[in-house]
Amino acid sequence: MVVADLCRKHGMSSATFYAWKSKYGGLELSEAKRLRGLEEVSRKRFAFRRER
């Protein structure tokens, strides 16, 4: 399947796909999971600071 078809199917632009691929494409699964966890912690800290 062509990238343009996949992007259309999932409602995203080709530019977004390639930006994502360049940022995250080389990550191993364990690295991606670690990154997701770190982003979640950061999001929680930011929300906590906003509430204060």
N, C-alpha and C. Protein backbone atom coordinates (compact mmCIF):
# COMPACT_ATOMS: atom_id res chain seq x y z
N MET A 1 0.85 -1.19 0.00
CA MET A 1 0.00 0.00 0.00
C MET A 1 0.90 1.25 0.00
N VAL A 2 0.49 2.25 -0.69
CA VAL A 2 1.25 3.49 -0.84
C VAL A 2 1.02 4.38 0.40
N VAL A 3 2.02 5.16 0.76
CA VAL A 3 1.94 6.04 1.93
C VAL A 3 0.75 6.99 1.82
N ALA A 4 0.53 7.55 0.66
CA ALA A 4 -0.58 8.48 0.48
C ALA A 4 -1.93 7.81 0.79
N ASP A 5 -2.08 6.54 0.38
CA ASP A 5 -3.32 5.81 0.67
C ASP A 5 -3.48 5.56 2.17
N LEU A 6 -2.40 5.18 2.83
CA LEU A 6 -2.45 4.96 4.28
C LEU A 6 -2.80 6.25 5.02
N CYS A 7 -2.19 7.33 4.62
CA CYS A 7 -2.46 8.62 5.26
C CYS A 7 -3.92 9.03 5.07
N ARG A 8 -4.42 8.85 3.87
CA ARG A 8 -5.82 9.19 3.59
C ARG A 8 -6.75 8.33 4.44
N LYS A 9 -6.43 7.04 4.54
CA LYS A 9 -7.25 6.11 5.32
C LYS A 9 -7.32 6.51 6.80
N HIS A 10 -6.21 7.04 7.33
CA HIS A 10 -6.14 7.40 8.75
C HIS A 10 -6.34 8.89 9.01
N GLY A 11 -6.64 9.64 7.97
CA GLY A 11 -6.96 11.05 8.13
C GLY A 11 -5.80 11.95 8.50
N MET A 12 -4.64 11.68 7.94
CA MET A 12 -3.48 12.53 8.21
C MET A 12 -2.79 12.87 6.90
N SER A 13 -2.01 13.93 6.93
CA SER A 13 -1.31 14.33 5.71
C SER A 13 -0.02 13.54 5.55
N SER A 14 0.48 13.49 4.34
CA SER A 14 1.75 12.82 4.07
C SER A 14 2.89 13.53 4.78
N ALA A 15 2.80 14.86 4.86
CA ALA A 15 3.84 15.63 5.55
C ALA A 15 3.91 15.25 7.03
N THR A 16 2.76 15.06 7.65
CA THR A 16 2.72 14.64 9.05
C THR A 16 3.35 13.26 9.21
N PHE A 17 3.03 12.36 8.30
CA PHE A 17 3.61 11.02 8.35
C PHE A 17 5.13 11.07 8.27
N TYR A 18 5.66 11.81 7.31
CA TYR A 18 7.10 11.85 7.15
C TYR A 18 7.79 12.59 8.30
N ALA A 19 7.14 13.59 8.88
CA ALA A 19 7.70 14.27 10.06
C ALA A 19 7.76 13.29 11.23
N TRP A 20 6.70 12.51 11.41
CA TRP A 20 6.67 11.51 12.47
C TRP A 20 7.73 10.44 12.23
N LYS A 21 7.84 10.01 10.98
CA LYS A 21 8.82 8.97 10.64
C LYS A 21 10.25 9.44 10.91
N SER A 22 10.54 10.68 10.57
CA SER A 22 11.90 11.18 10.80
C SER A 22 12.20 11.33 12.28
N LYS A 23 11.17 11.61 13.07
CA LYS A 23 11.38 11.79 14.51
C LYS A 23 11.43 10.46 15.26
N TYR A 24 10.54 9.53 14.92
CA TYR A 24 10.39 8.30 15.69
C TYR A 24 10.74 7.03 14.92
N GLY A 25 11.04 7.12 13.65
CA GLY A 25 11.22 5.95 12.81
C GLY A 25 12.34 5.01 13.23
N GLY A 26 13.38 5.50 13.84
CA GLY A 26 14.50 4.65 14.21
C GLY A 26 14.42 4.06 15.60
N LEU A 27 13.36 4.33 16.33
CA LEU A 27 13.25 3.85 17.70
C LEU A 27 12.91 2.37 17.76
N GLU A 28 13.49 1.69 18.71
CA GLU A 28 13.10 0.32 19.02
C GLU A 28 11.84 0.39 19.87
N LEU A 29 11.13 -0.70 20.00
CA LEU A 29 9.89 -0.74 20.75
C LEU A 29 10.10 -0.32 22.20
N SER A 30 11.16 -0.79 22.82
CA SER A 30 11.42 -0.43 24.22
C SER A 30 11.69 1.07 24.37
N GLU A 31 12.36 1.65 23.41
CA GLU A 31 12.63 3.09 23.45
C GLU A 31 11.34 3.89 23.28
N ALA A 32 10.47 3.43 22.40
CA ALA A 32 9.19 4.12 22.18
C ALA A 32 8.33 4.06 23.44
N LYS A 33 8.31 2.91 24.11
CA LYS A 33 7.55 2.78 25.36
C LYS A 33 8.11 3.70 26.43
N ARG A 34 9.43 3.78 26.52
CA ARG A 34 10.07 4.66 27.51
C ARG A 34 9.73 6.11 27.22
N LEU A 35 9.78 6.51 25.97
CA LEU A 35 9.45 7.87 25.57
C LEU A 35 8.00 8.20 25.92
N ARG A 36 7.09 7.27 25.67
CA ARG A 36 5.68 7.48 25.99
C ARG A 36 5.51 7.69 27.50
N GLY A 37 6.22 6.90 28.30
CA GLY A 37 6.15 7.04 29.75
C GLY A 37 6.68 8.39 30.21
N LEU A 38 7.78 8.82 29.63
CA LEU A 38 8.35 10.12 30.00
C LEU A 38 7.42 11.27 29.62
N GLU A 39 6.78 11.15 28.46
CA GLU A 39 5.84 12.19 28.03
C GLU A 39 4.64 12.25 28.96
N GLU A 40 4.18 11.10 29.45
CA GLU A 40 3.05 11.06 30.37
C GLU A 40 3.40 11.72 31.70
N VAL A 41 4.59 11.45 32.21
CA VAL A 41 5.04 12.07 33.45
C VAL A 41 5.12 13.58 33.28
N SER A 42 5.65 14.01 32.16
CA SER A 42 5.77 15.44 31.88
C SER A 42 4.40 16.10 31.81
N ARG A 43 3.45 15.44 31.16
CA ARG A 43 2.09 15.96 31.04
C ARG A 43 1.44 16.10 32.41
N LYS A 44 1.64 15.10 33.28
CA LYS A 44 1.08 15.15 34.64
C LYS A 44 1.68 16.28 35.45
N ARG A 45 2.99 16.46 35.33
CA ARG A 45 3.65 17.55 36.07
C ARG A 45 3.14 18.91 35.62
N PHE A 46 2.98 19.07 34.32
CA PHE A 46 2.49 20.33 33.79
C PHE A 46 1.06 20.60 34.28
N ALA A 47 0.23 19.58 34.28
CA ALA A 47 -1.15 19.73 34.76
C ALA A 47 -1.17 20.09 36.23
N PHE A 48 -0.30 19.47 37.02
CA PHE A 48 -0.22 19.76 38.44
C PHE A 48 0.19 21.21 38.69
N ARG A 49 1.16 21.69 37.91
CA ARG A 49 1.60 23.09 38.07
C ARG A 49 0.49 24.07 37.69
N ARG A 50 -0.29 23.73 36.68
CA ARG A 50 -1.38 24.62 36.27
C ARG A 50 -2.44 24.74 37.34
N GLU A 51 -2.67 23.65 38.09
CA GLU A 51 -3.70 23.65 39.12
C GLU A 51 -3.32 24.50 40.33
N ARG A 52 -2.06 24.69 40.55
CA ARG A 52 -1.60 25.43 41.73
C ARG A 52 -1.87 26.88 41.61
